[in-house]
Amino acid sequence: MRRQHKTEKLSAVRKRLFVSVLSDVLDGMGYRDQAMAPAIRPLDDTLVLLGRARTGLYRDVYEVPIDRNPYELEIALIDDLKPGEVAVLACGASGRIAPWGELLSTASRARGAAGCVTDGLTRDIRAIRAMKFPVFHGGIGPLDSKGRGEVAAIDVPVECAGVRVEPGDLVFGDADGVVVIPRRIEEKALALSFAKVKGEGRTRAELRRGAKLGDVFKRHGIL
């Protein structure tokens, strides 16, 4: 029953909330660094990403190893993804690492994963778009990560596109970008977000009837 309640709650989040209102609420709670850098964009801005973070921390490398599998931890993370989880891959600012592509998307989708967020590059974008798998990325490029980047650790706190992400944090992405809701404040943040959406609905209705923006703002304090 508890799992069903959590599933229903996340379904309501997906249907009724959006990134910008969550960002506003997190700002108001004093968490002003929860929105990823604007360079992080969706491959398909019609898709919504929502799920629990599973993190991978990449490091730059400058040679192709000959005595070991450079994809070992990357494979371990993808193979262990659970339904509703999001692979969050922190690649740093070098722009050399392209961790994501069609095969990882296919494997992740088969496991019920909710998507991927990375500040690195992605490739095989036509195939990923065709499968309707939500991917948010820091750029598009054809590079293989082999010899350029390797996963140094999985399921550890990371910084991705300027936001600290811990395993289990709630990750939400839509056409406006990506926000991360720390698990310790999730319940309050979501409650405030639902309330804000309700207030915005009243504001919108009054504006459509021709009310002045200033008057509506005085009544509801929502903009």
N, C-alpha and C. Protein backbone atom coordinates (compact mmCIF):
# COMPACT_ATOMS: atom_id res chain seq x y z
N MET A 1 0.83 -1.21 0.00
CA MET A 1 0.00 0.00 0.00
C MET A 1 0.86 1.26 0.00
N ARG A 2 1.95 1.23 0.77
CA ARG A 2 2.82 2.39 0.84
C ARG A 2 3.48 2.64 -0.51
N ARG A 3 3.91 1.57 -1.18
CA ARG A 3 4.51 1.72 -2.49
C ARG A 3 3.50 2.27 -3.49
N GLN A 4 2.25 1.80 -3.41
CA GLN A 4 1.22 2.30 -4.29
C GLN A 4 0.99 3.78 -4.06
N HIS A 5 1.00 4.21 -2.80
CA HIS A 5 0.81 5.63 -2.49
C HIS A 5 1.94 6.47 -3.10
N LYS A 6 3.16 5.97 -2.99
CA LYS A 6 4.29 6.70 -3.56
C LYS A 6 4.17 6.79 -5.08
N THR A 7 3.74 5.70 -5.70
CA THR A 7 3.56 5.69 -7.15
C THR A 7 2.50 6.70 -7.58
N GLU A 8 1.39 6.71 -6.84
CA GLU A 8 0.31 7.65 -7.16
C GLU A 8 0.77 9.09 -6.98
N LYS A 9 1.58 9.33 -5.94
CA LYS A 9 2.06 10.69 -5.68
C LYS A 9 2.96 11.16 -6.81
N LEU A 10 3.86 10.29 -7.27
CA LEU A 10 4.75 10.67 -8.37
C LEU A 10 3.97 10.85 -9.66
N SER A 11 2.92 10.08 -9.84
CA SER A 11 2.08 10.26 -11.02
C SER A 11 1.41 11.63 -11.00
N ALA A 12 0.97 12.07 -9.82
CA ALA A 12 0.37 13.40 -9.68
C ALA A 12 1.40 14.49 -9.93
N VAL A 13 2.64 14.27 -9.47
CA VAL A 13 3.71 15.24 -9.73
C VAL A 13 3.91 15.39 -11.23
N ARG A 14 3.99 14.27 -11.94
CA ARG A 14 4.21 14.29 -13.38
C ARG A 14 3.09 15.03 -14.11
N LYS A 15 1.84 14.80 -13.69
CA LYS A 15 0.69 15.36 -14.40
C LYS A 15 0.43 16.82 -14.07
N ARG A 16 0.72 17.24 -12.82
CA ARG A 16 0.26 18.55 -12.36
C ARG A 16 1.36 19.58 -12.16
N LEU A 17 2.58 19.13 -11.98
CA LEU A 17 3.67 20.07 -11.71
C LEU A 17 4.56 20.25 -12.93
N PHE A 18 5.41 21.25 -12.84
CA PHE A 18 6.37 21.52 -13.91
C PHE A 18 7.60 22.16 -13.30
N VAL A 19 8.68 22.15 -14.07
CA VAL A 19 9.99 22.52 -13.53
C VAL A 19 10.02 23.94 -12.99
N SER A 20 9.40 24.88 -13.68
CA SER A 20 9.52 26.27 -13.24
C SER A 20 8.85 26.50 -11.88
N VAL A 21 7.71 25.86 -11.63
CA VAL A 21 7.07 26.05 -10.33
C VAL A 21 7.89 25.39 -9.22
N LEU A 22 8.47 24.24 -9.50
CA LEU A 22 9.34 23.60 -8.51
C LEU A 22 10.56 24.46 -8.22
N SER A 23 11.13 25.06 -9.25
CA SER A 23 12.28 25.93 -9.06
C SER A 23 11.92 27.12 -8.18
N ASP A 24 10.74 27.72 -8.43
CA ASP A 24 10.28 28.85 -7.61
C ASP A 24 10.13 28.44 -6.14
N VAL A 25 9.51 27.29 -5.93
CA VAL A 25 9.28 26.82 -4.56
C VAL A 25 10.60 26.54 -3.85
N LEU A 26 11.52 25.89 -4.54
CA LEU A 26 12.83 25.61 -3.94
C LEU A 26 13.56 26.90 -3.62
N ASP A 27 13.48 27.89 -4.49
CA ASP A 27 14.04 29.21 -4.20
C ASP A 27 13.47 29.75 -2.90
N GLY A 28 12.13 29.68 -2.77
CA GLY A 28 11.47 30.22 -1.59
C GLY A 28 11.83 29.49 -0.31
N MET A 29 12.25 28.23 -0.45
CA MET A 29 12.67 27.45 0.71
C MET A 29 14.14 27.67 1.04
N GLY A 30 14.82 28.52 0.24
CA GLY A 30 16.23 28.79 0.48
C GLY A 30 17.17 27.88 -0.28
N TYR A 31 16.64 27.02 -1.14
CA TYR A 31 17.46 26.13 -1.97
C TYR A 31 17.52 26.72 -3.38
N ARG A 32 18.45 27.63 -3.56
CA ARG A 32 18.47 28.44 -4.77
C ARG A 32 19.41 27.91 -5.85
N ASP A 33 19.97 26.75 -5.63
CA ASP A 33 20.90 26.17 -6.61
C ASP A 33 20.46 24.78 -7.03
N GLN A 34 19.17 24.60 -7.22
CA GLN A 34 18.65 23.28 -7.56
C GLN A 34 18.29 23.12 -9.03
N ALA A 35 18.37 24.19 -9.80
CA ALA A 35 18.10 24.11 -11.24
C ALA A 35 19.42 23.97 -11.98
N MET A 36 19.50 22.97 -12.84
CA MET A 36 20.73 22.75 -13.59
C MET A 36 20.96 23.88 -14.58
N ALA A 37 22.21 24.04 -14.97
CA ALA A 37 22.61 25.10 -15.90
C ALA A 37 21.73 25.06 -17.16
N PRO A 38 21.44 26.23 -17.74
CA PRO A 38 20.53 26.29 -18.89
C PRO A 38 21.05 25.55 -20.12
N ALA A 39 22.33 25.20 -20.14
CA ALA A 39 22.86 24.43 -21.26
C ALA A 39 22.33 23.00 -21.28
N ILE A 40 21.77 22.53 -20.17
CA ILE A 40 21.22 21.18 -20.11
C ILE A 40 19.85 21.18 -20.77
N ARG A 41 19.76 20.50 -21.90
CA ARG A 41 18.54 20.54 -22.71
C ARG A 41 18.01 19.14 -22.99
N PRO A 42 16.70 19.01 -23.20
CA PRO A 42 16.13 17.71 -23.55
C PRO A 42 16.35 17.39 -25.02
N LEU A 43 16.57 16.12 -25.30
CA LEU A 43 16.58 15.71 -26.71
C LEU A 43 15.20 15.88 -27.33
N ASP A 44 14.16 15.68 -26.53
CA ASP A 44 12.78 15.81 -27.00
C ASP A 44 12.02 16.62 -25.96
N ASP A 45 11.68 17.86 -26.29
CA ASP A 45 11.07 18.71 -25.27
C ASP A 45 9.58 18.44 -25.07
N THR A 46 9.05 17.40 -25.72
CA THR A 46 7.68 16.99 -25.42
C THR A 46 7.64 15.96 -24.29
N LEU A 47 8.79 15.45 -23.87
CA LEU A 47 8.84 14.42 -22.84
C LEU A 47 9.12 15.02 -21.47
N VAL A 48 8.58 14.38 -20.46
CA VAL A 48 8.84 14.76 -19.06
C VAL A 48 9.66 13.65 -18.41
N LEU A 49 10.67 14.06 -17.67
CA LEU A 49 11.52 13.12 -16.94
C LEU A 49 11.25 13.28 -15.45
N LEU A 50 11.00 12.17 -14.78
CA LEU A 50 10.77 12.21 -13.34
C LEU A 50 11.21 10.88 -12.74
N GLY A 51 12.11 10.95 -11.77
CA GLY A 51 12.55 9.72 -11.13
C GLY A 51 13.62 9.95 -10.09
N ARG A 52 14.04 8.85 -9.48
CA ARG A 52 15.06 8.86 -8.44
C ARG A 52 16.46 8.78 -9.04
N ALA A 53 17.36 9.59 -8.52
CA ALA A 53 18.70 9.66 -9.07
C ALA A 53 19.52 8.42 -8.73
N ARG A 54 20.19 7.90 -9.76
CA ARG A 54 21.29 6.95 -9.60
C ARG A 54 22.50 7.62 -10.25
N THR A 55 23.53 7.84 -9.50
CA THR A 55 24.60 8.72 -9.95
C THR A 55 25.84 7.98 -10.45
N GLY A 56 26.48 8.59 -11.42
CA GLY A 56 27.78 8.14 -11.90
C GLY A 56 28.72 9.32 -12.00
N LEU A 57 29.89 9.20 -11.42
CA LEU A 57 30.89 10.27 -11.42
C LEU A 57 31.99 9.92 -12.40
N TYR A 58 32.11 10.70 -13.47
CA TYR A 58 33.13 10.47 -14.49
C TYR A 58 34.40 11.27 -14.18
N ARG A 59 35.50 10.77 -14.70
CA ARG A 59 36.77 11.50 -14.66
C ARG A 59 37.37 11.49 -16.06
N ASP A 60 38.10 12.53 -16.37
CA ASP A 60 38.78 12.60 -17.66
C ASP A 60 39.96 11.63 -17.68
N VAL A 61 40.13 10.95 -18.80
CA VAL A 61 41.31 10.12 -19.04
C VAL A 61 41.86 10.49 -20.41
N TYR A 62 43.09 10.08 -20.67
CA TYR A 62 43.77 10.53 -21.88
C TYR A 62 44.46 9.41 -22.63
N GLU A 63 44.05 8.18 -22.33
CA GLU A 63 44.55 7.04 -23.10
C GLU A 63 43.54 5.91 -22.99
N VAL A 64 43.58 5.02 -23.98
CA VAL A 64 42.69 3.87 -24.00
C VAL A 64 43.36 2.73 -23.25
N PRO A 65 42.74 2.22 -22.19
CA PRO A 65 43.36 1.13 -21.43
C PRO A 65 43.40 -0.15 -22.25
N ILE A 66 44.45 -0.93 -22.05
CA ILE A 66 44.59 -2.18 -22.80
C ILE A 66 44.44 -3.41 -21.90
N ASP A 67 44.37 -3.20 -20.58
CA ASP A 67 44.37 -4.32 -19.66
C ASP A 67 43.10 -4.41 -18.82
N ARG A 68 42.08 -3.61 -19.14
CA ARG A 68 40.85 -3.64 -18.35
C ARG A 68 39.71 -3.06 -19.18
N ASN A 69 38.49 -3.27 -18.67
CA ASN A 69 37.29 -2.79 -19.35
C ASN A 69 36.99 -1.37 -18.88
N PRO A 70 37.13 -0.36 -19.74
CA PRO A 70 36.89 1.02 -19.30
C PRO A 70 35.42 1.32 -19.03
N TYR A 71 34.54 0.43 -19.44
CA TYR A 71 33.10 0.65 -19.25
C TYR A 71 32.56 -0.08 -18.02
N GLU A 72 33.41 -0.67 -17.21
CA GLU A 72 32.97 -1.59 -16.16
C GLU A 72 31.94 -0.97 -15.22
N LEU A 73 32.24 0.18 -14.63
CA LEU A 73 31.30 0.79 -13.68
C LEU A 73 30.08 1.37 -14.40
N GLU A 74 30.28 1.87 -15.59
CA GLU A 74 29.16 2.37 -16.38
C GLU A 74 28.15 1.25 -16.63
N ILE A 75 28.66 0.09 -17.02
CA ILE A 75 27.79 -1.06 -17.26
C ILE A 75 27.11 -1.49 -15.97
N ALA A 76 27.84 -1.50 -14.87
CA ALA A 76 27.28 -1.90 -13.58
C ALA A 76 26.12 -1.00 -13.18
N LEU A 77 26.26 0.29 -13.41
CA LEU A 77 25.19 1.23 -13.07
C LEU A 77 23.96 0.97 -13.92
N ILE A 78 24.12 0.86 -15.22
CA ILE A 78 22.98 0.67 -16.12
C ILE A 78 22.29 -0.66 -15.84
N ASP A 79 23.07 -1.72 -15.64
CA ASP A 79 22.47 -3.03 -15.40
C ASP A 79 21.71 -3.09 -14.08
N ASP A 80 22.00 -2.19 -13.15
CA ASP A 80 21.36 -2.21 -11.84
C ASP A 80 20.21 -1.20 -11.73
N LEU A 81 19.91 -0.48 -12.80
CA LEU A 81 18.82 0.48 -12.74
C LEU A 81 17.50 -0.21 -12.45
N LYS A 82 16.70 0.44 -11.60
CA LYS A 82 15.39 -0.07 -11.23
C LYS A 82 14.31 0.80 -11.89
N PRO A 83 13.09 0.27 -11.99
CA PRO A 83 12.00 1.07 -12.56
C PRO A 83 11.86 2.42 -11.84
N GLY A 84 11.73 3.48 -12.63
CA GLY A 84 11.55 4.81 -12.07
C GLY A 84 12.83 5.53 -11.70
N GLU A 85 13.99 4.92 -11.94
CA GLU A 85 15.25 5.58 -11.61
C GLU A 85 15.81 6.33 -12.82
N VAL A 86 16.60 7.35 -12.52
CA VAL A 86 17.20 8.21 -13.54
C VAL A 86 18.72 8.13 -13.41
N ALA A 87 19.38 7.81 -14.49
CA ALA A 87 20.84 7.85 -14.49
C ALA A 87 21.29 9.31 -14.55
N VAL A 88 22.04 9.74 -13.54
CA VAL A 88 22.57 11.10 -13.51
C VAL A 88 24.09 10.99 -13.62
N LEU A 89 24.63 11.42 -14.75
CA LEU A 89 26.03 11.21 -15.06
C LEU A 89 26.76 12.55 -15.06
N ALA A 90 27.64 12.73 -14.08
CA ALA A 90 28.38 13.98 -13.90
C ALA A 90 29.72 13.85 -14.60
N CYS A 91 29.91 14.66 -15.65
CA CYS A 91 31.09 14.53 -16.50
C CYS A 91 32.06 15.71 -16.40
N GLY A 92 31.70 16.74 -15.65
CA GLY A 92 32.59 17.89 -15.55
C GLY A 92 32.45 18.82 -16.73
N ALA A 93 33.40 19.73 -16.84
CA ALA A 93 33.28 20.83 -17.80
C ALA A 93 34.20 20.71 -19.00
N SER A 94 34.91 19.59 -19.15
CA SER A 94 35.89 19.50 -20.24
C SER A 94 35.24 19.42 -21.62
N GLY A 95 34.01 18.89 -21.68
CA GLY A 95 33.34 18.74 -22.97
C GLY A 95 33.88 17.60 -23.81
N ARG A 96 34.70 16.74 -23.21
CA ARG A 96 35.32 15.64 -23.94
C ARG A 96 34.56 14.33 -23.78
N ILE A 97 33.65 14.27 -22.80
CA ILE A 97 33.06 12.99 -22.43
C ILE A 97 31.64 12.90 -22.97
N ALA A 98 31.37 11.84 -23.73
CA ALA A 98 30.04 11.58 -24.28
C ALA A 98 29.57 10.23 -23.75
N PRO A 99 28.94 10.21 -22.58
CA PRO A 99 28.64 8.93 -21.95
C PRO A 99 27.39 8.24 -22.48
N TRP A 100 26.52 8.96 -23.19
CA TRP A 100 25.20 8.40 -23.46
C TRP A 100 24.93 8.21 -24.94
N GLY A 101 24.21 7.13 -25.25
CA GLY A 101 23.84 6.86 -26.63
C GLY A 101 22.68 5.89 -26.71
N GLU A 102 22.46 5.35 -27.92
CA GLU A 102 21.31 4.49 -28.16
C GLU A 102 21.33 3.22 -27.33
N LEU A 103 22.48 2.56 -27.22
CA LEU A 103 22.51 1.27 -26.54
C LEU A 103 22.24 1.41 -25.04
N LEU A 104 22.79 2.43 -24.41
CA LEU A 104 22.51 2.66 -23.00
C LEU A 104 21.04 3.03 -22.80
N SER A 105 20.48 3.79 -23.74
CA SER A 105 19.06 4.12 -23.67
C SER A 105 18.20 2.87 -23.78
N THR A 106 18.57 1.99 -24.69
CA THR A 106 17.81 0.76 -24.89
C THR A 106 17.86 -0.12 -23.64
N ALA A 107 19.07 -0.29 -23.08
CA ALA A 107 19.22 -1.10 -21.88
C ALA A 107 18.47 -0.49 -20.70
N SER A 108 18.53 0.83 -20.56
CA SER A 108 17.87 1.51 -19.44
C SER A 108 16.35 1.42 -19.57
N ARG A 109 15.86 1.61 -20.77
CA ARG A 109 14.42 1.52 -20.98
C ARG A 109 13.91 0.12 -20.69
N ALA A 110 14.67 -0.90 -21.06
CA ALA A 110 14.27 -2.28 -20.82
C ALA A 110 14.14 -2.57 -19.33
N ARG A 111 14.85 -1.84 -18.50
CA ARG A 111 14.80 -2.02 -17.06
C ARG A 111 13.78 -1.11 -16.39
N GLY A 112 13.08 -0.32 -17.18
CA GLY A 112 12.04 0.54 -16.63
C GLY A 112 12.56 1.87 -16.11
N ALA A 113 13.81 2.20 -16.45
CA ALA A 113 14.37 3.46 -15.99
C ALA A 113 13.59 4.63 -16.56
N ALA A 114 13.64 5.77 -15.85
CA ALA A 114 12.85 6.94 -16.22
C ALA A 114 13.57 7.90 -17.14
N GLY A 115 14.89 7.70 -17.35
CA GLY A 115 15.61 8.60 -18.23
C GLY A 115 17.05 8.78 -17.81
N CYS A 116 17.69 9.74 -18.46
CA CYS A 116 19.08 10.07 -18.16
C CYS A 116 19.25 11.58 -18.15
N VAL A 117 20.07 12.05 -17.22
CA VAL A 117 20.52 13.44 -17.20
C VAL A 117 22.04 13.43 -17.13
N THR A 118 22.67 14.18 -18.02
CA THR A 118 24.13 14.28 -17.99
C THR A 118 24.57 15.67 -18.42
N ASP A 119 25.65 16.14 -17.81
CA ASP A 119 26.24 17.39 -18.30
C ASP A 119 27.31 17.10 -19.34
N GLY A 120 27.46 15.83 -19.70
CA GLY A 120 28.30 15.43 -20.82
C GLY A 120 27.52 15.45 -22.13
N LEU A 121 28.09 14.81 -23.14
CA LEU A 121 27.48 14.78 -24.46
C LEU A 121 26.67 13.51 -24.66
N THR A 122 25.77 13.55 -25.62
CA THR A 122 25.05 12.35 -26.03
C THR A 122 25.14 12.22 -27.54
N ARG A 123 24.90 11.01 -28.02
CA ARG A 123 24.94 10.76 -29.46
C ARG A 123 23.81 9.79 -29.83
N ASP A 124 23.75 9.40 -31.11
CA ASP A 124 22.68 8.52 -31.60
C ASP A 124 21.31 9.14 -31.35
N ILE A 125 21.22 10.42 -31.57
CA ILE A 125 20.04 11.15 -31.08
C ILE A 125 18.77 10.80 -31.85
N ARG A 126 18.86 10.48 -33.12
CA ARG A 126 17.65 10.13 -33.86
C ARG A 126 17.03 8.84 -33.30
N ALA A 127 17.89 7.86 -32.98
CA ALA A 127 17.39 6.60 -32.44
C ALA A 127 16.78 6.80 -31.06
N ILE A 128 17.40 7.64 -30.23
CA ILE A 128 16.87 7.89 -28.88
C ILE A 128 15.53 8.63 -28.96
N ARG A 129 15.46 9.60 -29.84
CA ARG A 129 14.19 10.31 -30.01
C ARG A 129 13.10 9.37 -30.47
N ALA A 130 13.42 8.45 -31.35
CA ALA A 130 12.43 7.51 -31.88
C ALA A 130 11.88 6.61 -30.79
N MET A 131 12.71 6.26 -29.79
CA MET A 131 12.23 5.38 -28.73
C MET A 131 11.54 6.13 -27.60
N LYS A 132 11.49 7.47 -27.69
CA LYS A 132 10.79 8.30 -26.70
C LYS A 132 11.35 8.09 -25.29
N PHE A 133 12.66 8.01 -25.19
CA PHE A 133 13.31 7.87 -23.89
C PHE A 133 13.85 9.23 -23.47
N PRO A 134 13.44 9.75 -22.31
CA PRO A 134 13.86 11.10 -21.91
C PRO A 134 15.36 11.19 -21.61
N VAL A 135 16.04 12.03 -22.34
CA VAL A 135 17.47 12.29 -22.11
C VAL A 135 17.69 13.80 -22.09
N PHE A 136 18.32 14.27 -21.04
CA PHE A 136 18.73 15.67 -20.92
C PHE A 136 20.24 15.70 -20.94
N HIS A 137 20.81 16.59 -21.74
CA HIS A 137 22.23 16.50 -22.06
C HIS A 137 22.89 17.87 -22.06
N GLY A 138 24.22 17.84 -22.04
CA GLY A 138 24.99 19.07 -22.10
C GLY A 138 25.52 19.38 -23.48
N GLY A 139 25.14 18.58 -24.47
CA GLY A 139 25.59 18.80 -25.84
C GLY A 139 25.46 17.51 -26.64
N ILE A 140 25.60 17.64 -27.94
CA ILE A 140 25.49 16.50 -28.85
C ILE A 140 26.81 16.34 -29.60
N GLY A 141 27.32 15.11 -29.64
CA GLY A 141 28.55 14.86 -30.34
C GLY A 141 28.73 13.38 -30.58
N PRO A 142 29.57 12.99 -31.55
CA PRO A 142 29.70 11.59 -31.93
C PRO A 142 30.74 10.82 -31.13
N LEU A 143 31.37 11.44 -30.15
CA LEU A 143 32.53 10.85 -29.49
C LEU A 143 32.18 9.64 -28.65
N ASP A 144 33.08 8.67 -28.65
CA ASP A 144 33.03 7.57 -27.69
C ASP A 144 33.73 8.04 -26.42
N SER A 145 33.21 7.63 -25.27
CA SER A 145 33.86 8.04 -24.02
C SER A 145 35.17 7.29 -23.79
N LYS A 146 35.36 6.16 -24.44
CA LYS A 146 36.58 5.38 -24.25
C LYS A 146 37.83 6.19 -24.60
N GLY A 147 38.75 6.26 -23.65
CA GLY A 147 39.96 7.05 -23.86
C GLY A 147 39.79 8.52 -23.56
N ARG A 148 38.57 8.91 -23.19
CA ARG A 148 38.30 10.31 -22.85
C ARG A 148 37.73 10.46 -21.44
N GLY A 149 36.90 9.49 -21.04
CA GLY A 149 36.32 9.56 -19.71
C GLY A 149 35.93 8.19 -19.21
N GLU A 150 36.01 8.02 -17.90
CA GLU A 150 35.60 6.76 -17.28
C GLU A 150 34.83 7.06 -16.00
N VAL A 151 33.91 6.17 -15.66
CA VAL A 151 33.21 6.29 -14.38
C VAL A 151 34.17 5.93 -13.26
N ALA A 152 34.37 6.86 -12.34
CA ALA A 152 35.25 6.62 -11.19
C ALA A 152 34.49 6.06 -10.01
N ALA A 153 33.18 6.38 -9.90
CA ALA A 153 32.38 5.90 -8.77
C ALA A 153 30.91 5.98 -9.15
N ILE A 154 30.12 5.10 -8.57
CA ILE A 154 28.67 5.13 -8.78
C ILE A 154 27.97 5.21 -7.43
N ASP A 155 26.76 5.75 -7.47
CA ASP A 155 25.93 5.89 -6.26
C ASP A 155 26.63 6.69 -5.17
N VAL A 156 27.25 7.80 -5.59
CA VAL A 156 27.89 8.74 -4.67
C VAL A 156 27.35 10.13 -4.96
N PRO A 157 27.44 11.07 -4.01
CA PRO A 157 27.05 12.44 -4.32
C PRO A 157 27.90 13.00 -5.45
N VAL A 158 27.27 13.70 -6.38
CA VAL A 158 27.97 14.30 -7.51
C VAL A 158 27.49 15.73 -7.69
N GLU A 159 28.22 16.49 -8.49
CA GLU A 159 27.73 17.78 -8.95
C GLU A 159 27.54 17.68 -10.46
N CYS A 160 26.31 17.86 -10.89
CA CYS A 160 25.97 17.76 -12.30
C CYS A 160 25.38 19.08 -12.76
N ALA A 161 26.05 19.72 -13.70
CA ALA A 161 25.57 21.01 -14.24
C ALA A 161 25.30 22.02 -13.14
N GLY A 162 26.17 22.02 -12.12
CA GLY A 162 26.09 23.02 -11.06
C GLY A 162 25.20 22.66 -9.89
N VAL A 163 24.61 21.47 -9.91
CA VAL A 163 23.69 21.06 -8.84
C VAL A 163 24.22 19.81 -8.15
N ARG A 164 24.23 19.84 -6.82
CA ARG A 164 24.59 18.64 -6.07
C ARG A 164 23.44 17.65 -6.17
N VAL A 165 23.78 16.43 -6.51
CA VAL A 165 22.79 15.36 -6.64
C VAL A 165 23.25 14.18 -5.79
N GLU A 166 22.36 13.74 -4.91
CA GLU A 166 22.64 12.56 -4.10
C GLU A 166 21.76 11.41 -4.56
N PRO A 167 22.25 10.18 -4.44
CA PRO A 167 21.42 9.03 -4.81
C PRO A 167 20.07 9.08 -4.10
N GLY A 168 19.00 8.90 -4.86
CA GLY A 168 17.65 8.92 -4.29
C GLY A 168 16.96 10.26 -4.37
N ASP A 169 17.69 11.34 -4.68
CA ASP A 169 17.04 12.63 -4.88
C ASP A 169 16.05 12.54 -6.04
N LEU A 170 15.01 13.36 -5.99
CA LEU A 170 14.01 13.38 -7.06
C LEU A 170 14.48 14.33 -8.17
N VAL A 171 14.52 13.82 -9.38
CA VAL A 171 14.96 14.59 -10.54
C VAL A 171 13.76 14.81 -11.45
N PHE A 172 13.54 16.08 -11.83
CA PHE A 172 12.39 16.43 -12.65
C PHE A 172 12.89 17.27 -13.83
N GLY A 173 12.54 16.84 -15.04
CA GLY A 173 12.94 17.59 -16.22
C GLY A 173 11.78 17.77 -17.18
N ASP A 174 11.67 18.96 -17.75
CA ASP A 174 10.73 19.19 -18.84
C ASP A 174 11.37 20.18 -19.81
N ALA A 175 10.57 20.79 -20.67
CA ALA A 175 11.13 21.64 -21.72
C ALA A 175 11.88 22.85 -21.17
N ASP A 176 11.62 23.23 -19.91
CA ASP A 176 12.29 24.38 -19.32
C ASP A 176 13.63 24.04 -18.68
N GLY A 177 13.92 22.75 -18.48
CA GLY A 177 15.19 22.38 -17.87
C GLY A 177 15.02 21.27 -16.84
N VAL A 178 15.96 21.21 -15.90
CA VAL A 178 15.98 20.14 -14.90
C VAL A 178 16.16 20.73 -13.51
N VAL A 179 15.37 20.26 -12.55
CA VAL A 179 15.57 20.60 -11.15
C VAL A 179 15.77 19.31 -10.36
N VAL A 180 16.50 19.44 -9.25
CA VAL A 180 16.75 18.32 -8.35
C VAL A 180 16.18 18.68 -6.99
N ILE A 181 15.32 17.81 -6.46
CA ILE A 181 14.70 18.03 -5.16
C ILE A 181 15.37 17.12 -4.15
N PRO A 182 16.14 17.67 -3.21
CA PRO A 182 16.77 16.82 -2.20
C PRO A 182 15.72 16.01 -1.44
N ARG A 183 16.03 14.78 -1.19
CA ARG A 183 15.05 13.88 -0.58
C ARG A 183 14.58 14.38 0.79
N ARG A 184 15.48 15.02 1.52
CA ARG A 184 15.14 15.45 2.89
C ARG A 184 14.09 16.55 2.91
N ILE A 185 13.89 17.27 1.80
CA ILE A 185 12.88 18.33 1.77
C ILE A 185 11.79 18.04 0.75
N GLU A 186 11.80 16.86 0.20
CA GLU A 186 10.91 16.53 -0.91
C GLU A 186 9.44 16.71 -0.55
N GLU A 187 9.02 16.16 0.57
CA GLU A 187 7.59 16.20 0.93
C GLU A 187 7.09 17.65 1.03
N LYS A 188 7.85 18.50 1.70
CA LYS A 188 7.44 19.89 1.85
C LYS A 188 7.47 20.62 0.51
N ALA A 189 8.51 20.38 -0.28
CA ALA A 189 8.63 21.06 -1.57
C ALA A 189 7.48 20.70 -2.50
N LEU A 190 7.10 19.44 -2.51
CA LEU A 190 6.00 19.02 -3.37
C LEU A 190 4.67 19.60 -2.89
N ALA A 191 4.45 19.60 -1.59
CA ALA A 191 3.20 20.17 -1.06
C ALA A 191 3.08 21.64 -1.42
N LEU A 192 4.17 22.38 -1.25
CA LEU A 192 4.15 23.81 -1.59
C LEU A 192 3.97 24.01 -3.10
N SER A 193 4.52 23.12 -3.89
CA SER A 193 4.39 23.23 -5.35
C SER A 193 2.96 22.99 -5.79
N PHE A 194 2.30 21.98 -5.22
CA PHE A 194 0.89 21.76 -5.56
C PHE A 194 0.04 22.97 -5.18
N ALA A 195 0.34 23.57 -4.03
CA ALA A 195 -0.40 24.76 -3.60
C ALA A 195 -0.16 25.92 -4.55
N LYS A 196 1.08 26.07 -5.00
CA LYS A 196 1.42 27.17 -5.91
C LYS A 196 0.71 26.99 -7.26
N VAL A 197 0.67 25.77 -7.75
CA VAL A 197 -0.02 25.51 -9.01
C VAL A 197 -1.50 25.86 -8.89
N LYS A 198 -2.10 25.53 -7.76
CA LYS A 198 -3.50 25.87 -7.54
C LYS A 198 -3.70 27.38 -7.55
N GLY A 199 -2.78 28.10 -6.88
CA GLY A 199 -2.84 29.55 -6.86
C GLY A 199 -2.63 30.15 -8.24
N GLU A 200 -1.72 29.57 -9.01
CA GLU A 200 -1.49 30.06 -10.37
C GLU A 200 -2.72 29.86 -11.23
N GLY A 201 -3.46 28.78 -10.96
CA GLY A 201 -4.69 28.55 -11.71
C GLY A 201 -5.70 29.66 -11.48
N ARG A 202 -5.84 30.11 -10.23
CA ARG A 202 -6.75 31.23 -9.93
C ARG A 202 -6.26 32.51 -10.60
N THR A 203 -4.96 32.72 -10.52
CA THR A 203 -4.38 33.92 -11.14
C THR A 203 -4.63 33.93 -12.64
N ARG A 204 -4.38 32.81 -13.27
CA ARG A 204 -4.56 32.69 -14.72
C ARG A 204 -6.00 32.96 -15.12
N ALA A 205 -6.93 32.41 -14.35
CA ALA A 205 -8.34 32.59 -14.67
C ALA A 205 -8.73 34.07 -14.59
N GLU A 206 -8.25 34.77 -13.57
CA GLU A 206 -8.58 36.20 -13.43
C GLU A 206 -7.96 37.02 -14.55
N LEU A 207 -6.74 36.71 -14.92
CA LEU A 207 -6.08 37.44 -16.01
C LEU A 207 -6.82 37.22 -17.33
N ARG A 208 -7.32 36.01 -17.55
CA ARG A 208 -8.06 35.74 -18.78
C ARG A 208 -9.37 36.51 -18.83
N ARG A 209 -9.92 36.80 -17.65
CA ARG A 209 -11.15 37.58 -17.61
C ARG A 209 -10.88 39.08 -17.75
N GLY A 210 -9.60 39.45 -17.86
CA GLY A 210 -9.25 40.85 -18.10
C GLY A 210 -8.77 41.62 -16.90
N ALA A 211 -8.61 40.97 -15.75
CA ALA A 211 -8.12 41.66 -14.56
C ALA A 211 -6.71 42.17 -14.80
N LYS A 212 -6.37 43.28 -14.14
CA LYS A 212 -5.02 43.83 -14.27
C LYS A 212 -4.02 42.99 -13.48
N LEU A 213 -2.85 42.85 -14.07
CA LEU A 213 -1.81 42.02 -13.46
C LEU A 213 -1.47 42.51 -12.06
N GLY A 214 -1.36 43.83 -11.90
CA GLY A 214 -1.02 44.39 -10.59
C GLY A 214 -2.05 44.05 -9.53
N ASP A 215 -3.33 44.14 -9.90
CA ASP A 215 -4.40 43.83 -8.95
C ASP A 215 -4.39 42.35 -8.56
N VAL A 216 -4.19 41.51 -9.56
CA VAL A 216 -4.18 40.07 -9.30
C VAL A 216 -2.99 39.71 -8.41
N PHE A 217 -1.86 40.33 -8.67
CA PHE A 217 -0.66 40.04 -7.86
C PHE A 217 -0.90 40.46 -6.40
N LYS A 218 -1.57 41.59 -6.20
CA LYS A 218 -1.87 42.03 -4.84
C LYS A 218 -2.74 41.02 -4.10
N ARG A 219 -3.66 40.41 -4.83
CA ARG A 219 -4.58 39.46 -4.19
C ARG A 219 -3.90 38.12 -3.89
N HIS A 220 -3.07 37.66 -4.80
CA HIS A 220 -2.57 36.30 -4.68
C HIS A 220 -1.05 36.21 -4.45
N GLY A 221 -0.33 37.29 -4.78
CA GLY A 221 1.11 37.27 -4.58
C GLY A 221 1.84 36.26 -5.45
N ILE A 222 1.27 35.94 -6.60
CA ILE A 222 1.85 34.94 -7.50
C ILE A 222 2.11 35.59 -8.85
N LEU A 223 3.33 35.35 -9.35
CA LEU A 223 3.68 35.92 -10.65
C LEU A 223 4.58 34.92 -11.38
